[in-house]
Amino acid sequence: MKVKPLGSRLLIKPIQEEKRTEGGIVLPDTAKEKPMKAEVVAVGNLEDSDVDIVVGDKVIFSKYSGTEIKIEDEEYIIIDVEDILAKIED
């Protein structure tokens, strides 16, 4: 299935980072905070926006923003471009 965001929205895939304590214990998903980093998978119409985001960019977004969806057993978020806080540059 292919999803194309409408308007000034993005389809992003959260980046899950493994969390360990200083003692080396891996924390379960239920103990982790929501991820705030994601990779951009699809871009809507950003012509009216001054944001320069393209597919493949890694971004930091607001913690509880967007709508979570599941596509072929993968978790994605449809998010408004204004909820993107920063672009991660290498």
N, C-alpha and C. Protein backbone atom coordinates (compact mmCIF):
# COMPACT_ATOMS: atom_id res chain seq x y z
N MET A 1 0.83 -1.17 0.00
CA MET A 1 0.00 0.00 0.00
C MET A 1 0.88 1.24 0.00
N LYS A 2 0.50 2.25 -0.76
CA LYS A 2 1.24 3.50 -0.84
C LYS A 2 0.39 4.61 -0.25
N VAL A 3 0.96 5.42 0.63
CA VAL A 3 0.24 6.51 1.28
C VAL A 3 0.89 7.82 0.90
N LYS A 4 0.09 8.77 0.40
CA LYS A 4 0.56 10.10 0.04
C LYS A 4 -0.13 11.11 0.95
N PRO A 5 0.62 11.78 1.84
CA PRO A 5 0.01 12.76 2.73
C PRO A 5 -0.58 13.94 1.95
N LEU A 6 -1.68 14.48 2.45
CA LEU A 6 -2.32 15.63 1.82
C LEU A 6 -1.90 16.91 2.52
N GLY A 7 -1.95 18.02 1.79
CA GLY A 7 -1.62 19.32 2.37
C GLY A 7 -0.19 19.37 2.84
N SER A 8 0.03 20.09 3.92
CA SER A 8 1.39 20.26 4.44
C SER A 8 1.67 19.23 5.53
N ARG A 9 1.50 17.96 5.16
CA ARG A 9 1.75 16.86 6.10
C ARG A 9 2.86 15.95 5.59
N LEU A 10 3.42 15.18 6.51
CA LEU A 10 4.48 14.24 6.20
C LEU A 10 4.10 12.87 6.72
N LEU A 11 4.58 11.83 6.07
CA LEU A 11 4.49 10.47 6.59
C LEU A 11 5.88 10.13 7.09
N ILE A 12 5.99 9.85 8.39
CA ILE A 12 7.29 9.57 8.98
C ILE A 12 7.28 8.21 9.65
N LYS A 13 8.46 7.60 9.73
CA LYS A 13 8.61 6.31 10.41
C LYS A 13 9.51 6.55 11.62
N PRO A 14 8.96 6.37 12.83
CA PRO A 14 9.77 6.59 14.04
C PRO A 14 11.00 5.70 14.07
N ILE A 15 12.09 6.25 14.55
CA ILE A 15 13.33 5.50 14.70
C ILE A 15 13.39 4.99 16.13
N GLN A 16 13.33 3.68 16.27
CA GLN A 16 13.38 3.05 17.59
C GLN A 16 14.83 2.88 18.01
N GLU A 17 15.19 3.47 19.12
CA GLU A 17 16.54 3.31 19.64
C GLU A 17 16.48 2.39 20.86
N GLU A 18 17.39 1.45 20.92
CA GLU A 18 17.43 0.54 22.05
C GLU A 18 17.95 1.28 23.27
N LYS A 19 17.22 1.21 24.34
CA LYS A 19 17.61 1.90 25.57
C LYS A 19 18.18 0.90 26.56
N ARG A 20 19.33 1.26 27.13
CA ARG A 20 19.97 0.43 28.15
C ARG A 20 20.29 1.31 29.35
N THR A 21 20.23 0.71 30.50
CA THR A 21 20.65 1.43 31.70
C THR A 21 22.18 1.41 31.77
N GLU A 22 22.73 2.15 32.72
CA GLU A 22 24.19 2.15 32.86
C GLU A 22 24.72 0.77 33.20
N GLY A 23 23.89 -0.05 33.84
CA GLY A 23 24.30 -1.42 34.19
C GLY A 23 24.15 -2.40 33.05
N GLY A 24 23.63 -1.96 31.89
CA GLY A 24 23.52 -2.81 30.73
C GLY A 24 22.18 -3.50 30.57
N ILE A 25 21.18 -3.14 31.39
CA ILE A 25 19.86 -3.76 31.29
C ILE A 25 19.09 -3.09 30.16
N VAL A 26 18.52 -3.91 29.25
CA VAL A 26 17.71 -3.38 28.15
C VAL A 26 16.31 -3.12 28.67
N LEU A 27 15.82 -1.89 28.46
CA LEU A 27 14.49 -1.52 28.92
C LEU A 27 13.42 -2.01 27.96
N PRO A 28 12.31 -2.55 28.45
CA PRO A 28 11.23 -2.99 27.57
C PRO A 28 10.51 -1.80 26.96
N ASP A 29 9.75 -2.04 25.87
CA ASP A 29 9.03 -0.97 25.18
C ASP A 29 8.10 -0.21 26.10
N THR A 30 7.49 -0.87 27.07
CA THR A 30 6.54 -0.21 27.95
C THR A 30 7.20 0.80 28.86
N ALA A 31 8.49 0.67 29.10
CA ALA A 31 9.21 1.59 29.98
C ALA A 31 9.86 2.74 29.23
N LYS A 32 9.83 2.69 27.93
CA LYS A 32 10.49 3.71 27.11
C LYS A 32 9.55 4.88 26.84
N GLU A 33 10.15 6.04 26.61
CA GLU A 33 9.39 7.18 26.16
C GLU A 33 9.12 7.03 24.67
N LYS A 34 8.12 7.76 24.18
CA LYS A 34 7.84 7.73 22.74
C LYS A 34 9.06 8.28 21.99
N PRO A 35 9.39 7.68 20.85
CA PRO A 35 10.52 8.21 20.08
C PRO A 35 10.18 9.58 19.52
N MET A 36 11.18 10.42 19.42
CA MET A 36 10.97 11.75 18.86
C MET A 36 11.81 11.96 17.61
N LYS A 37 12.49 10.91 17.15
CA LYS A 37 13.25 10.97 15.91
C LYS A 37 12.55 10.08 14.89
N ALA A 38 12.59 10.52 13.63
CA ALA A 38 11.92 9.74 12.59
C ALA A 38 12.58 10.00 11.25
N GLU A 39 12.30 9.09 10.31
CA GLU A 39 12.74 9.25 8.94
C GLU A 39 11.52 9.60 8.09
N VAL A 40 11.68 10.58 7.21
CA VAL A 40 10.58 11.00 6.35
C VAL A 40 10.41 9.98 5.24
N VAL A 41 9.17 9.44 5.10
CA VAL A 41 8.87 8.41 4.12
C VAL A 41 8.13 9.00 2.91
N ALA A 42 7.25 9.97 3.16
CA ALA A 42 6.50 10.62 2.07
C ALA A 42 6.20 12.06 2.48
N VAL A 43 6.11 12.93 1.48
CA VAL A 43 5.90 14.35 1.71
C VAL A 43 4.66 14.80 0.95
N GLY A 44 3.83 15.59 1.62
CA GLY A 44 2.66 16.17 0.97
C GLY A 44 3.06 17.40 0.16
N ASN A 45 2.15 18.33 0.02
CA ASN A 45 2.39 19.55 -0.74
C ASN A 45 3.00 20.61 0.18
N LEU A 46 4.29 20.83 0.09
CA LEU A 46 4.98 21.80 0.95
C LEU A 46 5.32 23.09 0.21
N GLU A 47 4.66 23.35 -0.92
CA GLU A 47 4.97 24.55 -1.71
C GLU A 47 4.73 25.83 -0.93
N ASP A 48 3.69 25.87 -0.10
CA ASP A 48 3.38 27.08 0.66
C ASP A 48 4.19 27.19 1.94
N SER A 49 4.99 26.20 2.23
CA SER A 49 5.78 26.17 3.45
C SER A 49 7.23 26.55 3.15
N ASP A 50 7.89 27.15 4.13
CA ASP A 50 9.31 27.51 3.95
C ASP A 50 10.23 26.40 4.47
N VAL A 51 9.67 25.22 4.71
CA VAL A 51 10.43 24.07 5.23
C VAL A 51 11.03 23.29 4.07
N ASP A 52 12.31 22.95 4.20
CA ASP A 52 13.02 22.18 3.17
C ASP A 52 13.21 20.75 3.66
N ILE A 53 12.18 19.93 3.49
CA ILE A 53 12.23 18.53 3.91
C ILE A 53 11.91 17.65 2.72
N VAL A 54 12.74 16.63 2.53
CA VAL A 54 12.53 15.68 1.43
C VAL A 54 12.52 14.26 1.99
N VAL A 55 12.05 13.32 1.20
CA VAL A 55 12.02 11.91 1.59
C VAL A 55 13.44 11.46 1.92
N GLY A 56 13.58 10.77 3.03
CA GLY A 56 14.89 10.27 3.46
C GLY A 56 15.52 11.12 4.56
N ASP A 57 15.02 12.35 4.75
CA ASP A 57 15.55 13.20 5.83
C ASP A 57 15.20 12.59 7.18
N LYS A 58 16.06 12.84 8.16
CA LYS A 58 15.77 12.45 9.54
C LYS A 58 15.39 13.72 10.29
N VAL A 59 14.31 13.63 11.08
CA VAL A 59 13.78 14.81 11.76
C VAL A 59 13.50 14.51 13.23
N ILE A 60 13.36 15.58 14.00
CA ILE A 60 12.91 15.52 15.38
C ILE A 60 11.55 16.17 15.41
N PHE A 61 10.57 15.49 16.05
CA PHE A 61 9.20 16.03 16.05
C PHE A 61 8.66 16.13 17.46
N SER A 62 7.56 16.88 17.61
CA SER A 62 6.91 17.05 18.91
C SER A 62 6.46 15.70 19.44
N LYS A 63 6.58 15.50 20.71
CA LYS A 63 6.40 14.19 21.34
C LYS A 63 5.05 13.53 21.08
N TYR A 64 3.95 14.21 21.27
CA TYR A 64 2.64 13.57 21.13
C TYR A 64 1.85 14.14 19.97
N SER A 65 2.51 14.45 18.88
CA SER A 65 1.83 15.03 17.73
C SER A 65 1.59 13.96 16.66
N GLY A 66 0.70 14.28 15.74
CA GLY A 66 0.46 13.39 14.61
C GLY A 66 -0.52 12.28 14.90
N THR A 67 -0.81 11.51 13.86
CA THR A 67 -1.73 10.39 13.93
C THR A 67 -0.97 9.11 13.59
N GLU A 68 -0.97 8.18 14.52
CA GLU A 68 -0.26 6.92 14.31
C GLU A 68 -1.09 6.00 13.44
N ILE A 69 -0.44 5.38 12.44
CA ILE A 69 -1.11 4.41 11.58
C ILE A 69 -0.20 3.20 11.42
N LYS A 70 -0.79 2.09 11.01
CA LYS A 70 -0.03 0.86 10.78
C LYS A 70 -0.23 0.46 9.32
N ILE A 71 0.88 0.29 8.60
CA ILE A 71 0.85 -0.13 7.21
C ILE A 71 1.71 -1.38 7.09
N GLU A 72 1.09 -2.49 6.73
CA GLU A 72 1.79 -3.76 6.57
C GLU A 72 2.68 -4.06 7.78
N ASP A 73 2.09 -3.98 8.96
CA ASP A 73 2.74 -4.28 10.25
C ASP A 73 3.90 -3.35 10.60
N GLU A 74 3.98 -2.20 9.98
CA GLU A 74 4.98 -1.19 10.31
C GLU A 74 4.26 0.04 10.87
N GLU A 75 4.84 0.66 11.90
CA GLU A 75 4.26 1.84 12.53
C GLU A 75 4.75 3.11 11.81
N TYR A 76 3.79 3.98 11.48
CA TYR A 76 4.09 5.27 10.85
C TYR A 76 3.29 6.35 11.55
N ILE A 77 3.65 7.60 11.30
CA ILE A 77 2.91 8.74 11.83
C ILE A 77 2.67 9.72 10.70
N ILE A 78 1.43 10.18 10.57
CA ILE A 78 1.13 11.29 9.66
C ILE A 78 1.15 12.54 10.52
N ILE A 79 2.02 13.48 10.18
CA ILE A 79 2.26 14.63 11.03
C ILE A 79 2.24 15.91 10.21
N ASP A 80 1.76 16.98 10.82
CA ASP A 80 1.75 18.28 10.18
C ASP A 80 3.18 18.83 10.17
N VAL A 81 3.56 19.51 9.12
CA VAL A 81 4.94 20.00 8.99
C VAL A 81 5.30 20.98 10.12
N GLU A 82 4.31 21.66 10.71
CA GLU A 82 4.60 22.59 11.82
C GLU A 82 5.02 21.86 13.09
N ASP A 83 4.75 20.55 13.18
CA ASP A 83 5.15 19.78 14.35
C ASP A 83 6.57 19.23 14.24
N ILE A 84 7.24 19.51 13.13
CA ILE A 84 8.64 19.14 12.97
C ILE A 84 9.47 20.23 13.63
N LEU A 85 10.30 19.83 14.59
CA LEU A 85 11.09 20.79 15.36
C LEU A 85 12.46 21.05 14.75
N ALA A 86 13.05 20.01 14.15
CA ALA A 86 14.40 20.17 13.60
C ALA A 86 14.67 19.06 12.59
N LYS A 87 15.62 19.33 11.73
CA LYS A 87 16.10 18.36 10.75
C LYS A 87 17.50 17.93 11.21
N ILE A 88 17.73 16.62 11.24
CA ILE A 88 19.03 16.09 11.68
C ILE A 88 19.95 16.04 10.47
N GLU A 89 21.06 16.75 10.57
CA GLU A 89 22.02 16.77 9.47
C GLU A 89 23.25 15.97 9.87
N ASP A 90 23.80 15.23 8.92
CA ASP A 90 24.99 14.40 9.20
C ASP A 90 26.24 15.23 9.22
